[in-house]
N, C-alpha and C. Protein backbone atom coordinates (compact mmCIF):
# COMPACT_ATOMS: atom_id res chain seq x y z
N THR A 1 7.75 -10.80 0.94
CA THR A 1 7.01 -11.70 1.02
C THR A 1 6.06 -12.01 2.38
N ILE A 2 4.83 -11.87 2.34
CA ILE A 2 3.71 -12.06 3.41
C ILE A 2 3.26 -13.12 3.08
N ALA A 3 3.49 -14.21 4.08
CA ALA A 3 2.81 -15.74 4.09
C ALA A 3 2.06 -15.88 5.32
N ASN A 4 2.00 -15.29 5.99
CA ASN A 4 1.06 -15.26 7.16
C ASN A 4 1.14 -14.47 8.61
N ALA A 5 0.63 -13.97 9.53
CA ALA A 5 0.50 -13.05 10.32
C ALA A 5 2.07 -12.41 11.21
N GLU A 6 2.32 -13.54 11.34
CA GLU A 6 3.95 -13.14 11.91
C GLU A 6 4.68 -12.02 10.64
N ASP A 7 4.81 -12.60 9.61
CA ASP A 7 5.04 -11.64 8.63
C ASP A 7 4.85 -10.35 8.70
N TYR A 8 3.21 -10.13 8.47
CA TYR A 8 2.63 -8.91 8.89
C TYR A 8 3.42 -7.91 9.71
N GLN A 9 3.62 -8.97 10.91
CA GLN A 9 4.09 -7.88 12.26
C GLN A 9 5.41 -7.87 11.84
N ARG A 10 6.28 -8.46 11.48
CA ARG A 10 7.83 -8.14 11.27
C ARG A 10 7.84 -6.75 10.20
N VAL A 11 7.19 -7.12 9.42
CA VAL A 11 7.08 -5.66 8.60
C VAL A 11 6.47 -4.44 8.54
N LEU A 12 5.48 -4.88 9.91
CA LEU A 12 5.03 -3.68 10.69
C LEU A 12 5.61 -3.17 11.65
N SER A 13 6.81 -3.91 12.31
CA SER A 13 7.58 -3.94 13.44
C SER A 13 8.86 -2.60 13.11
N THR A 14 8.59 -1.74 12.74
CA THR A 14 9.75 -0.65 12.63
C THR A 14 9.12 0.61 12.94
N SER A 15 9.98 1.81 13.36
CA SER A 15 9.64 3.17 13.16
C SER A 15 9.36 3.91 11.83
N ARG A 16 9.94 3.28 10.64
CA ARG A 16 9.28 4.03 9.49
C ARG A 16 8.06 3.33 9.10
N PRO A 17 7.34 5.00 8.07
CA PRO A 17 6.05 4.49 7.99
C PRO A 17 6.05 3.44 6.95
N VAL A 18 4.61 2.47 6.72
CA VAL A 18 4.99 1.03 6.14
C VAL A 18 3.45 1.20 5.32
N PHE A 19 3.61 1.37 3.73
CA PHE A 19 2.30 1.38 2.79
C PHE A 19 2.53 0.11 1.68
N LEU A 20 1.38 -0.40 2.05
CA LEU A 20 0.71 -1.88 1.95
C LEU A 20 -0.01 -1.63 0.55
N LEU A 21 0.43 -2.12 -0.42
CA LEU A 21 -0.86 -1.85 -1.61
C LEU A 21 -1.27 -3.14 -2.13
N PHE A 22 -2.70 -3.30 -1.59
CA PHE A 22 -3.15 -4.79 -1.83
C PHE A 22 -4.10 -4.90 -3.32
N VAL A 23 -3.39 -6.02 -4.27
CA VAL A 23 -3.75 -5.85 -5.71
C VAL A 23 -3.70 -7.14 -5.79
N SER A 24 -5.07 -7.14 -7.10
CA SER A 24 -5.23 -8.79 -7.88
C SER A 24 -5.14 -8.70 -9.14
N ALA A 25 -4.61 -9.53 -9.62
CA ALA A 25 -4.18 -9.73 -11.11
C ALA A 25 -5.63 -9.74 -11.90
N HIS A 26 -6.79 -9.80 -11.34
CA HIS A 26 -7.72 -9.92 -12.40
C HIS A 26 -8.68 -8.30 -12.12
N CYS A 27 -8.07 -7.60 -11.89
CA CYS A 27 -8.47 -6.07 -11.47
C CYS A 27 -7.65 -4.99 -12.43
N PRO A 28 -8.72 -4.45 -13.27
CA PRO A 28 -8.17 -3.63 -14.20
C PRO A 28 -7.73 -2.21 -13.58
N ALA A 29 -8.09 -1.70 -12.45
CA ALA A 29 -7.71 -0.63 -11.99
C ALA A 29 -6.18 -0.76 -10.97
N CYS A 30 -5.90 -2.24 -10.78
CA CYS A 30 -4.50 -2.69 -10.22
C CYS A 30 -3.59 -2.50 -11.34
N THR A 31 -3.68 -2.59 -12.38
CA THR A 31 -3.05 -2.58 -13.64
C THR A 31 -2.64 -0.90 -13.71
N GLU A 32 -3.13 -0.38 -13.54
CA GLU A 32 -2.68 1.62 -13.33
C GLU A 32 -2.61 1.55 -11.89
N ALA A 33 -2.61 0.96 -10.88
CA ALA A 33 -2.12 1.56 -9.87
C ALA A 33 -0.97 1.00 -9.24
N VAL A 34 -0.51 -0.13 -9.92
CA VAL A 34 0.99 -0.34 -9.46
C VAL A 34 2.17 0.17 -9.82
N PRO A 35 2.00 0.73 -11.33
CA PRO A 35 2.98 1.15 -11.54
C PRO A 35 3.22 3.00 -11.40
N LEU A 36 2.18 3.54 -10.86
CA LEU A 36 1.94 4.49 -10.24
C LEU A 36 2.80 4.49 -9.06
N PHE A 37 2.03 3.74 -8.24
CA PHE A 37 2.42 3.60 -6.85
C PHE A 37 4.01 3.23 -6.52
N GLU A 38 4.77 2.24 -7.39
CA GLU A 38 5.79 1.91 -7.74
C GLU A 38 6.61 3.22 -8.11
N LYS A 39 6.47 4.26 -8.86
CA LYS A 39 7.09 5.03 -9.22
C LYS A 39 7.34 6.27 -8.26
N VAL A 40 6.09 6.37 -7.55
CA VAL A 40 5.82 7.40 -6.30
C VAL A 40 6.56 6.77 -5.52
N ALA A 41 6.61 5.66 -4.99
CA ALA A 41 7.47 5.12 -3.70
C ALA A 41 8.95 5.13 -3.88
N ALA A 42 9.36 5.10 -5.47
CA ALA A 42 10.61 5.05 -5.55
C ALA A 42 11.64 6.63 -4.65
N ARG A 43 10.78 7.28 -4.52
CA ARG A 43 10.92 9.10 -4.65
C ARG A 43 10.98 9.07 -2.87
N TYR A 44 10.40 8.25 -2.41
CA TYR A 44 10.43 8.31 -1.13
C TYR A 44 10.94 7.04 -0.26
N PRO A 45 12.49 6.94 -0.11
CA PRO A 45 13.01 5.68 0.59
C PRO A 45 12.72 5.37 2.29
N SER A 46 12.47 6.88 2.64
CA SER A 46 11.73 6.60 3.84
C SER A 46 10.84 5.91 4.30
N VAL A 47 9.78 5.60 3.62
CA VAL A 47 8.51 4.72 3.80
C VAL A 47 8.95 3.33 3.12
N VAL A 48 8.20 2.57 3.80
CA VAL A 48 8.46 0.74 3.70
C VAL A 48 7.27 0.99 2.69
N SER A 49 7.73 0.21 1.72
CA SER A 49 6.28 0.08 0.38
C SER A 49 6.47 -1.14 -0.13
N MET A 50 5.37 -2.04 -0.13
CA MET A 50 5.26 -2.90 -0.90
C MET A 50 4.09 -3.46 -1.63
N VAL A 51 3.82 -3.88 -2.70
CA VAL A 51 3.22 -4.20 -3.39
C VAL A 51 2.48 -5.58 -3.27
N LEU A 52 1.66 -6.21 -2.48
CA LEU A 52 1.02 -7.64 -2.54
C LEU A 52 -0.26 -8.05 -3.22
N ASP A 53 0.05 -9.28 -3.54
CA ASP A 53 -0.89 -9.94 -4.66
C ASP A 53 -1.70 -10.37 -3.67
N CYS A 54 -2.97 -10.55 -3.37
CA CYS A 54 -4.01 -10.87 -2.92
C CYS A 54 -4.03 -12.31 -2.91
N ALA A 55 -3.43 -12.74 -4.28
CA ALA A 55 -3.93 -14.41 -4.23
C ALA A 55 -2.67 -15.05 -3.68
N GLN A 56 -1.71 -14.27 -3.49
CA GLN A 56 -0.22 -15.01 -2.71
C GLN A 56 -0.22 -14.67 -1.33
N THR A 57 -0.68 -13.32 -0.85
CA THR A 57 -0.95 -13.07 0.78
C THR A 57 -2.01 -13.45 1.54
N PRO A 58 -2.00 -13.43 3.02
CA PRO A 58 -2.95 -14.20 3.63
C PRO A 58 -4.19 -12.99 3.59
N ARG A 59 -4.95 -12.94 3.71
CA ARG A 59 -6.39 -12.37 3.75
C ARG A 59 -6.11 -11.04 4.93
N HIS A 60 -6.50 -10.19 4.44
CA HIS A 60 -6.13 -8.91 5.46
C HIS A 60 -7.70 -8.20 6.01
N PRO A 61 -7.99 -8.13 7.26
CA PRO A 61 -9.17 -7.76 7.43
C PRO A 61 -9.75 -6.47 6.76
N GLU A 62 -9.20 -5.62 6.88
CA GLU A 62 -8.87 -4.17 6.10
C GLU A 62 -9.35 -4.19 4.83
N VAL A 63 -8.63 -5.24 4.15
CA VAL A 63 -8.87 -5.30 2.61
C VAL A 63 -10.72 -6.09 2.33
N THR A 64 -11.12 -5.04 1.29
CA THR A 64 -12.27 -5.86 0.92
C THR A 64 -12.46 -5.53 -0.59
N GLY A 65 -11.47 -5.28 -1.25
CA GLY A 65 -11.33 -4.67 -2.55
C GLY A 65 -10.35 -4.28 -3.07
N THR A 66 -9.75 -4.81 -4.52
CA THR A 66 -8.20 -3.96 -4.97
C THR A 66 -8.53 -3.01 -5.83
N PRO A 67 -7.46 -2.30 -6.00
CA PRO A 67 -6.76 -1.81 -5.21
C PRO A 67 -6.97 -1.28 -4.15
N THR A 68 -5.99 -1.60 -2.62
CA THR A 68 -6.47 -1.26 -1.42
C THR A 68 -4.93 -0.81 -1.13
N GLY A 69 -5.26 0.86 -0.46
CA GLY A 69 -3.71 0.68 0.22
C GLY A 69 -3.77 0.90 1.85
N LEU A 70 -2.65 0.18 2.63
CA LEU A 70 -2.73 0.60 4.11
C LEU A 70 -1.68 1.26 4.47
N ILE A 71 -1.59 2.35 5.41
CA ILE A 71 -0.65 2.90 5.95
C ILE A 71 -0.26 2.88 7.33
N TYR A 72 0.69 2.58 7.85
CA TYR A 72 0.69 2.03 9.40
C TYR A 72 1.97 3.26 9.48
N LEU A 73 1.78 3.27 10.75
CA LEU A 73 2.86 3.93 11.40
C LEU A 73 2.91 3.55 13.11
N ASP A 74 4.39 3.17 13.20
CA ASP A 74 4.56 2.32 14.63
C ASP A 74 3.55 1.23 14.87
N GLY A 75 3.15 0.49 13.66
CA GLY A 75 2.84 -0.35 13.85
C GLY A 75 1.21 -0.56 13.67
N GLN A 76 0.64 0.67 13.90
CA GLN A 76 -0.71 1.54 13.98
C GLN A 76 -1.22 1.63 12.60
N LEU A 77 -2.28 0.95 12.42
CA LEU A 77 -3.29 1.51 10.80
C LEU A 77 -3.39 2.87 10.95
N GLN A 78 -3.13 3.80 10.17
CA GLN A 78 -3.38 5.16 10.24
C GLN A 78 -4.32 5.43 8.80
N GLU A 79 -4.27 4.82 7.82
CA GLU A 79 -5.28 5.58 6.90
C GLU A 79 -5.41 4.35 6.00
N LYS A 80 -6.48 4.31 5.33
CA LYS A 80 -6.62 3.02 4.57
C LYS A 80 -7.51 3.73 2.77
N LEU A 81 -6.56 3.86 2.04
CA LEU A 81 -7.30 3.98 0.63
C LEU A 81 -7.88 3.07 -0.34
N GLN A 82 -9.32 2.92 -0.41
CA GLN A 82 -9.85 1.90 -1.28
C GLN A 82 -9.73 2.50 -2.63
N GLY A 83 -8.98 2.19 -3.45
CA GLY A 83 -8.43 2.70 -4.84
C GLY A 83 -7.56 4.21 -4.59
N PHE A 84 -7.34 4.57 -5.72
CA PHE A 84 -6.61 6.32 -5.36
C PHE A 84 -7.32 7.41 -5.97
N GLY A 85 -8.43 7.12 -6.61
CA GLY A 85 -9.65 7.96 -6.64
C GLY A 85 -9.71 8.02 -8.10
N THR A 86 -10.37 9.25 -8.82
CA THR A 86 -10.25 9.48 -10.44
C THR A 86 -9.13 9.28 -11.37
N LEU A 87 -9.13 8.76 -12.28
CA LEU A 87 -8.01 8.57 -13.33
C LEU A 87 -6.96 9.83 -13.23
N ASP A 88 -7.59 10.86 -13.55
CA ASP A 88 -7.02 12.51 -13.46
C ASP A 88 -6.22 12.84 -12.12
N ASP A 89 -7.02 12.31 -10.77
CA ASP A 89 -6.33 12.25 -9.46
C ASP A 89 -5.34 11.68 -8.73
N GLN A 90 -5.50 10.41 -9.44
CA GLN A 90 -4.78 9.57 -9.15
C GLN A 90 -3.32 9.67 -8.69
N ALA A 91 -2.53 10.34 -9.01
CA ALA A 91 -0.89 10.63 -9.25
C ALA A 91 -0.89 11.19 -8.06
N GLN A 92 -1.97 12.19 -8.05
CA GLN A 92 -1.90 13.67 -7.05
C GLN A 92 -1.74 12.84 -5.72
N VAL A 93 -2.89 11.71 -5.37
CA VAL A 93 -3.63 11.01 -3.99
C VAL A 93 -2.27 10.32 -3.87
N VAL A 94 -1.93 9.84 -4.78
CA VAL A 94 -0.76 8.98 -4.00
C VAL A 94 0.80 9.58 -3.38
N GLU A 95 1.14 10.89 -4.46
CA GLU A 95 2.18 11.48 -4.25
C GLU A 95 1.81 12.06 -2.66
N ASP A 96 0.71 12.97 -2.68
CA ASP A 96 -0.01 13.54 -1.21
C ASP A 96 0.33 12.24 -0.07
N THR A 97 -0.44 11.39 -0.47
CA THR A 97 -0.09 10.40 0.99
C THR A 97 1.44 10.21 1.15
N PHE A 98 2.39 9.79 0.53
CA PHE A 98 3.50 9.42 0.89
C PHE A 98 4.05 10.65 1.14
N ALA A 99 4.04 11.78 0.83
CA ALA A 99 4.40 12.86 1.14
C ALA A 99 4.18 13.50 2.91
N ARG A 100 2.72 12.84 3.31
CA ARG A 100 2.18 13.20 4.55
C ARG A 100 3.15 12.25 5.70
N TYR A 101 3.66 10.97 4.99
CA TYR A 101 4.25 9.80 5.78
C TYR A 101 5.62 10.31 5.78
N ALA A 102 6.04 10.46 4.62
CA ALA A 102 7.92 10.97 4.85
C ALA A 102 8.43 11.63 5.73
N SER A 103 9.60 11.03 6.11
CA SER A 103 10.46 12.12 7.11
C SER A 103 11.68 12.73 6.29
């Protein structure tokens, strides 16, 4: 759970890659993105992955819509995904993104 800026820093203070997926309960695309994200994340235990509901998480300046994925390495933002692309490409986009950062 991310309750404040200190929680963000705690999560990001790891040498492992961190993939944060920001979602909203009222977002139809998030309904598809969350199970896909969780399925792929389970195959990459070296990546810290979290699904964050925007209604229960402090606002992040990089998140202007949902779903948004933010990938951090050594506490620094490396990549931002606004959505996962077309329905046909989503599984490959998520898989490729995790594979790029997994060790």
